[in-house]
């Protein structure tokens, strides 16, 4: 059940007596939905107004309990009027959109996830496929039959804890499935990060249902605090020497070697490189146009001279409409086509196995160590701000900053102050008084120091 909205003007019959006859007050309950009160000569009337997506409709709900006591049918108090208005909003949403919306209490998590996935698919969200996998694999089987209005925080916390404690899903068949699942610290961190991600996606689906008026529930029940300190993984990246070694190891597969070099030159994702066309390279400007990135935004990647020579050789006199990087068979690089060549190249280079995405990390780390600012690197990689760059490469930037400041020339303030010897730092009055106090030392010691003369001499 959604929380009751408070109002000092409409909340009690005593407060409503001050409203002039013939006046109408509207109290917003959510976006495009409001509860109204119209004062008559004898008593007031509760109204509900729906105004969203170009559709506007107003409905009389019942009499206000200005004189008669509320019984929940014809005469309604403030809370009952809100509840009846929310029930009517579901009917109004159906009239406005043409889509059936479940009545109060009947809207399940399964239907909520389906509506959210339709929403992502309609707007062409780049993470639609991954979101569908997460919701189908984790949310629907455990929570699908539950009503959204009856979801509670303890229930969601228990569900999320089960995800964190479960082993990673895989298609590989294990020989001994009866062995107990033992998680290392790194495994637990990864599973908790996965649980946080799935919880975010489920919460987004629930919030969309609430925003569109498909259900009325308390959103505070979905406010589950995430697992802390689990999102930051140690970024694996290659040094310049290892990059050259890895590129040499790809020599037997020339088509894959071109793909690897493009990744190291641009820091682009595997999917972004696979979608590049010959026309996306601008030789005169020295840029590469990324038509569609992970967030659906477009960007330009600036190239250094070596990268410009590489892309000029790749594009040459080819048709601008042609895909830039193709496999040896003439087909474009599809999803997961790079995994086997990556494993073979790692084995030949005698480098611990890593994924294609680590080439992106390698490019970014090289730029930062060469002095490129975090903001510029973030723009090159397609990030909205520097948060992700600071998370993964901030330690590299701090080392470069320290090196930069050590190489700065002095201002010359010591010469301006005409300092020839040691700097004399003034002492506080307490320390000065303490330094003047004479210690009670033996007379022979004071005599040797010349600070004490025995009597009779």
Protein backbone atom coordinates (compact mmCIF):
# COMPACT_ATOMS: atom_id res chain seq x y z
CA UNK A 1 0.00 0.00 0.00
CA UNK A 2 1.29 3.44 -0.90
CA UNK A 3 2.01 5.96 1.80
CA UNK A 4 -0.79 8.41 2.64
CA UNK A 5 0.08 11.95 1.59
CA UNK A 6 -0.44 14.50 4.37
CA UNK A 7 -2.13 17.88 3.97
CA UNK A 8 -2.82 20.51 6.61
CA UNK A 9 -5.69 21.91 4.50
CA UNK A 10 -7.51 18.66 3.67
CA UNK A 11 -6.36 16.20 6.32
CA UNK A 12 -9.16 16.74 8.86
CA UNK A 13 -12.76 17.94 8.80
CA UNK A 14 -11.76 20.76 11.14
CA UNK A 15 -9.17 22.03 8.66
CA UNK A 16 -11.66 21.80 5.77
CA UNK A 17 -14.13 24.11 7.54
CA UNK A 18 -11.85 27.06 6.73
CA UNK A 19 -12.18 26.44 2.97
CA UNK A 20 -14.60 28.90 1.32
CA UNK A 21 -17.76 27.51 -0.28
CA UNK A 22 -17.31 26.90 -4.00
CA UNK A 23 -13.53 26.50 -3.76
CA UNK A 24 -11.66 23.52 -5.17
CA UNK A 25 -8.25 22.35 -3.94
CA UNK A 26 -6.10 19.79 -5.79
CA UNK A 27 -3.44 17.80 -3.95
CA UNK A 28 -0.83 16.06 -6.19
CA UNK A 29 -0.31 12.39 -5.27
CA UNK A 30 2.13 11.49 -8.05
CA UNK A 31 3.03 12.61 -11.56
CA UNK A 32 -0.18 13.53 -13.41
CA UNK A 33 -2.40 12.25 -10.60
CA UNK A 34 -4.11 14.37 -7.97
CA UNK A 35 -6.77 14.19 -5.28
CA UNK A 36 -9.27 17.08 -5.22
CA UNK A 37 -11.76 18.54 -2.77
CA UNK A 38 -14.66 20.82 -3.77
CA UNK A 39 -16.52 22.63 -0.98
CA UNK A 40 -20.30 22.74 -1.29
CA UNK A 41 -22.91 24.64 0.70
CA UNK A 42 -23.46 21.67 3.07
CA UNK A 43 -20.48 19.34 2.63
CA UNK A 44 -17.55 18.73 0.38
CA UNK A 45 -16.92 16.22 -2.41
CA UNK A 46 -13.74 14.22 -3.10
CA UNK A 47 -12.46 14.22 -6.70
CA UNK A 48 -9.70 12.39 -8.59
CA UNK A 49 -7.89 13.91 -11.57
CA UNK A 50 -5.70 12.08 -14.12
CA UNK A 51 -3.64 14.24 -16.48
CA UNK A 52 -0.80 12.47 -18.31
CA UNK A 53 0.31 11.68 -21.88
CA UNK A 54 -2.24 14.13 -23.33
CA UNK A 55 -5.17 12.41 -21.58
CA UNK A 56 -7.18 14.29 -18.95
CA UNK A 57 -10.11 12.98 -16.93
CA UNK A 58 -11.76 13.88 -13.62
CA UNK A 59 -13.92 11.57 -11.48
CA UNK A 60 -16.14 12.10 -8.43
CA UNK A 61 -15.13 9.67 -5.66
CA UNK A 62 -17.69 10.37 -2.91
CA UNK A 63 -18.72 12.72 -0.15
CA UNK A 64 -16.23 14.04 2.37
CA UNK A 65 -16.77 13.26 6.05
CA UNK A 66 -17.43 16.92 6.84
CA UNK A 67 -20.73 16.11 8.62
CA UNK A 68 -21.32 12.36 8.44
CA UNK A 69 -18.80 9.83 9.67
CA UNK A 70 -16.87 7.97 6.99
CA UNK A 71 -17.96 4.41 6.16
CA UNK A 72 -15.62 3.82 3.18
CA UNK A 73 -18.27 3.68 0.48
CA UNK A 74 -20.31 6.88 -0.03
CA UNK A 75 -18.66 8.94 2.70
CA UNK A 76 -14.83 8.96 2.74
CA UNK A 77 -12.24 10.40 5.05
CA UNK A 78 -8.95 11.80 3.74
CA UNK A 79 -7.04 8.48 3.73
CA UNK A 80 -9.94 6.54 2.18
CA UNK A 81 -10.27 9.16 -0.56
CA UNK A 82 -6.59 8.73 -1.47
CA UNK A 83 -6.93 4.95 -1.62
CA UNK A 84 -10.03 5.14 -3.82
CA UNK A 85 -8.33 7.68 -6.07
CA UNK A 86 -5.35 5.39 -6.59
CA UNK A 87 -7.66 2.53 -7.53
CA UNK A 88 -9.40 4.74 -10.08
CA UNK A 89 -6.04 5.90 -11.50
CA UNK A 90 -5.45 2.32 -12.73
CA UNK A 91 -8.63 2.53 -14.82
CA UNK A 92 -7.62 5.96 -16.10
CA UNK A 93 -4.20 4.62 -17.11
CA UNK A 94 -5.88 1.86 -19.12
CA UNK A 95 -8.06 4.44 -20.87
CA UNK A 96 -5.06 6.67 -21.58
CA UNK A 97 -2.64 4.03 -22.90
CA UNK A 98 -4.95 1.30 -24.17
CA UNK A 99 -2.99 -1.23 -22.12
CA UNK A 100 -4.52 -3.30 -19.36
CA UNK A 101 -3.28 -2.40 -15.90
CA UNK A 102 -3.80 -4.80 -13.01
CA UNK A 103 -6.02 -3.78 -10.15
CA UNK A 104 -4.67 -2.98 -6.70
CA UNK A 105 -2.79 -5.94 -5.25
CA UNK A 106 -2.82 -7.97 -8.46
CA UNK A 107 0.25 -6.58 -10.21
CA UNK A 108 3.03 -9.14 -9.85
CA UNK A 109 6.81 -8.82 -10.07
CA UNK A 110 6.73 -10.99 -13.19
CA UNK A 111 4.40 -8.57 -15.00
CA UNK A 112 6.46 -5.65 -13.70
CA UNK A 113 9.66 -7.10 -15.20
CA UNK A 114 7.94 -7.79 -18.54
CA UNK A 115 6.66 -4.20 -18.75
CA UNK A 116 10.13 -2.86 -17.91
CA UNK A 117 11.79 -4.99 -20.59
CA UNK A 118 9.24 -3.77 -23.15
CA UNK A 119 10.10 -0.22 -22.13
CA UNK A 120 13.83 -0.84 -22.63
CA UNK A 121 13.27 -2.54 -25.97
CA UNK A 122 11.08 0.29 -27.28
CA UNK A 123 13.71 2.94 -26.55
CA UNK A 124 16.56 0.76 -27.83
CA UNK A 125 18.43 0.56 -24.53
CA UNK A 126 21.92 -0.92 -25.05
CA UNK A 127 21.72 -2.97 -21.85
CA UNK A 128 18.39 -4.59 -22.76
CA UNK A 129 19.86 -8.04 -23.35
CA UNK A 130 21.87 -8.10 -20.10
CA UNK A 131 18.92 -6.76 -18.11
CA UNK A 132 16.64 -9.43 -19.57
CA UNK A 133 19.13 -12.14 -18.61
CA UNK A 134 19.42 -10.87 -15.02
CA UNK A 135 15.69 -10.49 -14.45
CA UNK A 136 14.82 -13.82 -16.10
CA UNK A 137 17.55 -15.71 -14.24
CA UNK A 138 17.21 -14.20 -10.77
CA UNK A 139 14.14 -12.01 -10.24
CA UNK A 140 11.32 -13.90 -11.97
CA UNK A 141 11.99 -17.41 -10.57
CA UNK A 142 12.10 -16.30 -6.92
CA UNK A 143 9.90 -13.18 -6.83
CA UNK A 144 7.78 -13.42 -9.99
CA UNK A 145 4.59 -14.65 -8.32
CA UNK A 146 4.69 -12.06 -5.53
CA UNK A 147 2.55 -8.94 -5.71
CA UNK A 148 4.56 -5.74 -6.04
CA UNK A 149 2.43 -4.02 -3.41
CA UNK A 150 3.37 -6.71 -0.89
CA UNK A 151 7.13 -6.64 -1.41
CA UNK A 152 9.02 -5.86 1.79
CA UNK A 153 12.59 -4.89 2.51
CA UNK A 154 13.37 -8.06 4.52
CA UNK A 155 12.10 -10.20 1.63
CA UNK A 156 14.29 -8.35 -0.89
CA UNK A 157 17.32 -8.47 1.42
CA UNK A 158 16.92 -12.23 1.82
CA UNK A 159 16.58 -12.67 -1.95
CA UNK A 160 19.69 -10.57 -2.60
CA UNK A 161 21.68 -12.45 0.07
CA UNK A 162 20.80 -15.74 -1.67
CA UNK A 163 22.22 -14.38 -4.93
CA UNK A 164 25.45 -13.33 -3.22
CA UNK A 165 25.85 -16.76 -1.60
CA UNK A 166 25.12 -18.73 -4.77
CA UNK A 167 27.85 -19.83 -7.21
CA UNK A 168 28.36 -18.04 -10.49
CA UNK A 169 26.03 -19.24 -13.25
CA UNK A 170 27.84 -21.01 -16.07
CA UNK A 171 27.07 -23.35 -18.97
CA UNK A 172 30.00 -25.61 -18.14
CA UNK A 173 29.23 -29.03 -16.69
CA UNK A 174 31.07 -29.89 -13.51
CA UNK A 175 32.09 -33.44 -12.84
CA UNK A 176 31.16 -33.41 -9.16
CA UNK A 177 28.09 -31.29 -8.54
CA UNK A 178 27.63 -32.64 -5.02
CA UNK A 179 30.71 -30.87 -3.68
CA UNK A 180 30.00 -27.95 -1.31
CA UNK A 181 30.36 -24.51 -2.83
CA UNK A 182 33.34 -22.67 -1.30
CA UNK A 183 33.76 -18.97 -2.05
CA UNK A 184 37.05 -17.14 -1.89
CA UNK A 185 37.19 -13.47 -0.90
CA UNK A 186 37.35 -12.44 -4.55
CA UNK A 187 34.45 -14.76 -5.48
CA UNK A 188 32.35 -13.27 -2.69
CA UNK A 189 33.17 -9.74 -3.84
CA UNK A 190 32.14 -10.55 -7.40
CA UNK A 191 28.89 -12.21 -6.34
CA UNK A 192 28.00 -9.27 -4.11
CA UNK A 193 28.70 -6.87 -6.96
CA UNK A 194 26.42 -9.01 -9.16
CA UNK A 195 23.70 -8.92 -6.48
CA UNK A 196 23.97 -5.12 -6.33
CA UNK A 197 23.60 -4.87 -10.11
CA UNK A 198 20.53 -7.14 -10.22
CA UNK A 199 18.95 -5.25 -7.33
CA UNK A 200 19.43 -1.96 -9.21
CA UNK A 201 17.71 -3.37 -12.28
CA UNK A 202 14.79 -4.76 -10.29
CA UNK A 203 14.40 -1.44 -8.47
CA UNK A 204 14.35 0.38 -11.82
CA UNK A 205 11.52 -1.91 -12.99
CA UNK A 206 9.54 -1.29 -9.79
CA UNK A 207 10.04 2.47 -9.98
CA UNK A 208 8.85 2.54 -13.60
CA UNK A 209 5.68 0.67 -12.65
CA UNK A 210 5.06 3.16 -9.86
CA UNK A 211 5.75 6.15 -12.12
CA UNK A 212 3.39 4.91 -14.84
CA UNK A 213 0.62 4.23 -12.33
CA UNK A 214 0.52 0.47 -12.86
CA UNK A 215 0.75 -0.17 -9.16
CA UNK A 216 0.59 1.76 -5.92
CA UNK A 217 3.06 0.67 -3.27
CA UNK A 218 5.53 2.07 -0.80
CA UNK A 219 8.85 2.64 -2.62
CA UNK A 220 10.71 2.73 0.69
CA UNK A 221 10.25 -1.06 0.82
CA UNK A 222 12.62 -1.32 -2.17
CA UNK A 223 15.34 0.87 -0.65
CA UNK A 224 17.80 -1.92 0.10
CA UNK A 225 21.28 -0.65 0.93
CA UNK A 226 23.91 -2.13 -1.44
CA UNK A 227 26.85 -4.24 -0.37
CA UNK A 228 29.73 -1.84 0.27
CA UNK A 229 33.27 -1.91 -1.16
CA UNK A 230 32.50 -4.58 -3.74
CA UNK A 231 32.25 -2.60 -6.98
CA UNK A 232 35.94 -1.79 -7.37
CA UNK A 233 37.94 -4.54 -9.01
CA UNK A 234 41.65 -4.38 -9.68
CA UNK A 235 41.97 -3.31 -13.30
CA UNK A 236 44.32 -5.54 -15.27
CA UNK A 237 46.34 -3.67 -17.88
CA UNK A 238 49.44 -4.33 -19.95
CA UNK A 239 52.61 -2.29 -19.86
CA UNK A 240 53.94 -0.93 -23.14
CA UNK A 241 56.40 -3.84 -23.36
CA UNK A 242 53.63 -6.37 -22.75
CA UNK A 243 51.45 -4.66 -25.35
CA UNK A 244 54.17 -5.10 -27.97
CA UNK A 245 54.68 -8.73 -26.93
CA UNK A 246 50.95 -9.43 -27.18
CA UNK A 247 50.64 -7.82 -30.62
CA UNK A 248 53.56 -9.97 -31.86
CA UNK A 249 51.79 -13.07 -30.51
CA UNK A 250 48.79 -12.25 -32.73
CA UNK A 251 50.90 -12.34 -35.91
CA UNK A 252 49.50 -15.73 -37.03
CA UNK A 253 45.96 -14.29 -37.09
CA UNK A 254 46.29 -11.02 -38.98
CA UNK A 255 42.59 -10.19 -38.81
CA UNK A 256 42.65 -10.46 -35.02
CA UNK A 257 45.92 -8.54 -34.79
CA UNK A 258 44.27 -5.57 -36.51
CA UNK A 259 41.43 -5.72 -34.01
CA UNK A 260 43.85 -5.79 -31.07
CA UNK A 261 45.84 -2.85 -32.37
CA UNK A 262 42.64 -0.84 -32.82
CA UNK A 263 41.69 -1.59 -29.21
CA UNK A 264 45.08 -0.48 -27.87
CA UNK A 265 45.14 2.66 -30.00
CA UNK A 266 41.60 3.84 -29.21
CA UNK A 267 40.58 2.31 -25.88
CA UNK A 268 37.24 1.48 -27.51
CA UNK A 269 35.09 -1.48 -26.48
CA UNK A 270 35.00 -4.66 -28.54
CA UNK A 271 31.46 -3.97 -29.77
CA UNK A 272 32.31 -0.40 -30.72
CA UNK A 273 35.30 -1.52 -32.80
CA UNK A 274 33.26 -4.26 -34.46
CA UNK A 275 30.63 -1.71 -35.56
CA UNK A 276 33.14 0.73 -37.07
CA UNK A 277 32.76 1.58 -40.72
CA UNK A 278 35.46 2.86 -43.08
CA UNK A 279 33.68 6.22 -43.21
CA UNK A 280 34.02 6.62 -39.41
CA UNK A 281 37.73 7.42 -39.75
CA UNK A 282 38.55 11.05 -40.48
CA UNK A 283 42.17 11.20 -41.61
CA UNK A 284 42.37 14.99 -41.84
CA UNK A 285 41.02 15.53 -38.32
CA UNK A 286 42.74 12.49 -36.85
CA UNK A 287 39.56 11.21 -35.21
CA UNK A 288 37.46 8.08 -35.10
CA UNK A 289 33.67 8.42 -34.83
CA UNK A 290 31.94 6.00 -32.45
CA UNK A 291 28.35 5.93 -33.66
CA UNK A 292 26.89 3.99 -30.74
CA UNK A 293 28.54 3.44 -27.39
CA UNK A 294 27.41 1.57 -24.29
CA UNK A 295 25.29 4.45 -23.03
CA UNK A 296 23.80 5.09 -26.47
CA UNK A 297 25.84 8.28 -26.91
CA UNK A 298 28.10 9.21 -29.80
CA UNK A 299 31.67 10.40 -29.41
CA UNK A 300 34.90 11.14 -31.25
CA UNK A 301 38.13 9.37 -30.31
CA UNK A 302 41.29 11.36 -31.01
CA UNK A 303 44.26 9.46 -32.40
CA UNK A 304 48.01 9.88 -31.94
CA UNK A 305 50.27 9.90 -35.06
CA UNK A 306 51.01 6.16 -34.90
CA UNK A 307 47.29 5.36 -34.62
CA UNK A 308 46.50 7.66 -37.55
CA UNK A 309 49.02 5.81 -39.75
CA UNK A 310 47.45 2.50 -38.70
CA UNK A 311 43.90 3.54 -39.58
CA UNK A 312 45.01 5.06 -42.89
CA UNK A 313 46.55 1.71 -43.83
CA UNK A 314 43.43 -0.20 -42.73
CA UNK A 315 40.99 2.05 -44.61
CA UNK A 316 43.11 2.80 -47.69
CA UNK A 317 40.95 3.11 -50.81
CA UNK A 318 38.15 0.91 -49.47
CA UNK A 319 34.44 1.61 -49.92
CA UNK A 320 33.29 4.05 -47.18
CA UNK A 321 30.18 1.91 -46.59
CA UNK A 322 32.25 -1.17 -45.79
CA UNK A 323 32.79 -2.48 -42.27
CA UNK A 324 36.28 -1.49 -41.16
CA UNK A 325 37.37 -4.70 -39.39
CA UNK A 326 36.38 -8.07 -40.83
CA UNK A 327 37.34 -11.62 -40.04
CA UNK A 328 39.46 -13.65 -42.44
CA UNK A 329 36.26 -15.22 -43.78
CA UNK A 330 34.90 -11.78 -44.69
CA UNK A 331 32.31 -11.80 -41.91
CA UNK A 332 32.08 -9.08 -39.27
CA UNK A 333 33.29 -9.69 -35.73
CA UNK A 334 30.28 -10.98 -33.79
CA UNK A 335 29.68 -11.41 -30.08
CA UNK A 336 32.30 -13.68 -28.42
CA UNK A 337 34.19 -14.17 -31.71
CA UNK A 338 37.28 -12.69 -30.04
CA UNK A 339 37.45 -15.09 -27.08
CA UNK A 340 39.30 -18.01 -28.68
CA UNK A 341 41.86 -15.81 -30.48
CA UNK A 342 42.45 -14.01 -27.16
CA UNK A 343 43.20 -17.29 -25.40
CA UNK A 344 45.59 -18.42 -28.13
CA UNK A 345 47.43 -15.09 -28.15
CA UNK A 346 47.80 -15.09 -24.36
CA UNK A 347 49.29 -18.58 -24.49
CA UNK A 348 51.80 -17.60 -27.19
CA UNK A 349 52.75 -14.38 -25.37
CA UNK A 350 53.06 -16.29 -22.06
CA UNK A 351 50.79 -13.73 -20.41
CA UNK A 352 48.13 -14.62 -17.86
CA UNK A 353 44.81 -14.97 -19.66
CA UNK A 354 42.72 -11.77 -19.83
CA UNK A 355 39.80 -10.44 -21.80
CA UNK A 356 39.57 -8.03 -24.72
CA UNK A 357 38.24 -5.34 -22.37
CA UNK A 358 41.63 -5.22 -20.65
CA UNK A 359 43.04 -3.67 -23.85
CA UNK A 360 40.79 -0.71 -23.06
CA UNK A 361 42.28 -0.53 -19.55
CA UNK A 362 45.77 -0.76 -21.05
CA UNK A 363 45.16 2.17 -23.39
CA UNK A 364 43.73 4.32 -20.60
CA UNK A 365 46.56 3.55 -18.18
CA UNK A 366 49.15 4.43 -20.82
CA UNK A 367 47.51 7.78 -21.54
CA UNK A 368 47.39 8.68 -17.84
CA UNK A 369 51.02 7.75 -17.18
CA UNK A 370 52.00 9.94 -20.14
CA UNK A 371 50.29 12.91 -18.50
CA UNK A 372 46.86 13.02 -20.14
CA UNK A 373 44.30 14.46 -17.71
CA UNK A 374 41.56 12.27 -16.24
CA UNK A 375 38.88 14.42 -17.89
CA UNK A 376 40.35 13.91 -21.36
CA UNK A 377 40.73 10.16 -20.76
CA UNK A 378 37.11 9.98 -19.61
CA UNK A 379 35.98 11.70 -22.82
CA UNK A 380 38.11 9.35 -24.92
CA UNK A 381 36.57 6.32 -23.23
CA UNK A 382 33.02 7.66 -23.50
CA UNK A 383 32.32 8.22 -19.78
CA UNK A 384 29.97 11.01 -18.72
CA UNK A 385 32.29 12.09 -15.89
CA UNK A 386 35.61 11.08 -14.34
CA UNK A 387 34.17 8.77 -11.63
CA UNK A 388 34.98 5.51 -13.42
CA UNK A 389 38.39 6.75 -14.52
CA UNK A 390 39.26 7.83 -10.97
CA UNK A 391 38.08 4.48 -9.63
CA UNK A 392 40.28 2.37 -11.90
CA UNK A 393 43.21 4.63 -12.75
CA UNK A 394 43.32 7.22 -9.96
CA UNK A 395 46.46 5.67 -8.44
CA UNK A 396 48.29 6.12 -11.74
CA UNK A 397 47.29 9.77 -11.90
CA UNK A 398 48.52 10.40 -8.35
CA UNK A 399 51.94 8.97 -9.23
CA UNK A 400 52.13 11.19 -12.29
CA UNK A 401 51.10 14.24 -10.24
CA UNK A 402 53.87 13.54 -7.73
CA UNK A 403 56.42 13.20 -10.56
CA UNK A 404 55.22 16.44 -12.13
CA UNK A 405 55.57 18.42 -8.92
CA UNK A 406 59.05 17.04 -8.22
CA UNK A 407 60.16 18.31 -11.63
CA UNK A 408 58.79 21.84 -11.12
CA UNK A 409 61.40 24.60 -10.74
CA UNK A 410 61.58 26.60 -7.52
CA UNK A 411 60.01 30.05 -7.24
CA UNK A 412 63.09 31.64 -5.63
CA UNK A 413 61.49 32.66 -2.36
CA UNK A 414 64.58 31.66 -0.38
CA UNK A 415 66.70 34.16 -2.34
CA UNK A 416 64.04 36.80 -1.93
CA UNK A 417 64.15 36.28 1.84
CA UNK A 418 68.03 36.52 1.71
CA UNK A 419 68.52 33.38 3.78
CA UNK A 420 72.18 32.36 4.15
CA UNK A 421 72.12 29.86 6.98
CA UNK A 422 69.57 27.80 8.79
CA UNK A 423 66.05 29.15 9.10
CA UNK A 424 65.37 30.56 12.58
CA UNK A 425 61.88 29.47 13.61
CA UNK A 426 60.38 31.58 16.45
CA UNK A 427 59.39 29.62 19.53
CA UNK A 428 56.29 30.12 21.63
CA UNK A 429 56.61 31.97 24.96
CA UNK A 430 56.07 28.74 26.92
CA UNK A 431 58.87 26.93 25.11
CA UNK A 432 61.15 29.99 25.52
CA UNK A 433 60.56 30.07 29.28
CA UNK A 434 61.16 26.34 29.53
CA UNK A 435 64.49 26.67 27.69
CA UNK A 436 65.66 29.36 30.16
CA UNK A 437 65.05 27.17 33.23
CA UNK A 438 68.37 25.91 34.70
CA UNK A 439 68.48 22.23 35.46
CA UNK A 440 69.63 21.20 38.97
CA UNK A 441 72.88 19.52 37.98
CA UNK A 442 75.78 18.53 40.29
CA UNK A 443 78.41 21.21 40.99
CA UNK A 444 81.28 19.24 39.39
CA UNK A 445 79.33 18.96 36.16
CA UNK A 446 78.56 22.67 36.12
CA UNK A 447 82.21 23.46 36.94
CA UNK A 448 83.46 21.49 33.96
CA UNK A 449 81.08 23.32 31.72
CA UNK A 450 82.35 26.70 32.99
CA UNK A 451 78.87 27.80 34.06
CA UNK A 452 79.57 27.45 37.86
CA UNK A 453 82.44 28.73 40.03
CA UNK A 454 82.86 27.04 43.42
CA UNK A 455 83.08 29.39 46.47
CA UNK A 456 86.58 30.59 47.54
CA UNK A 457 88.01 30.75 44.01
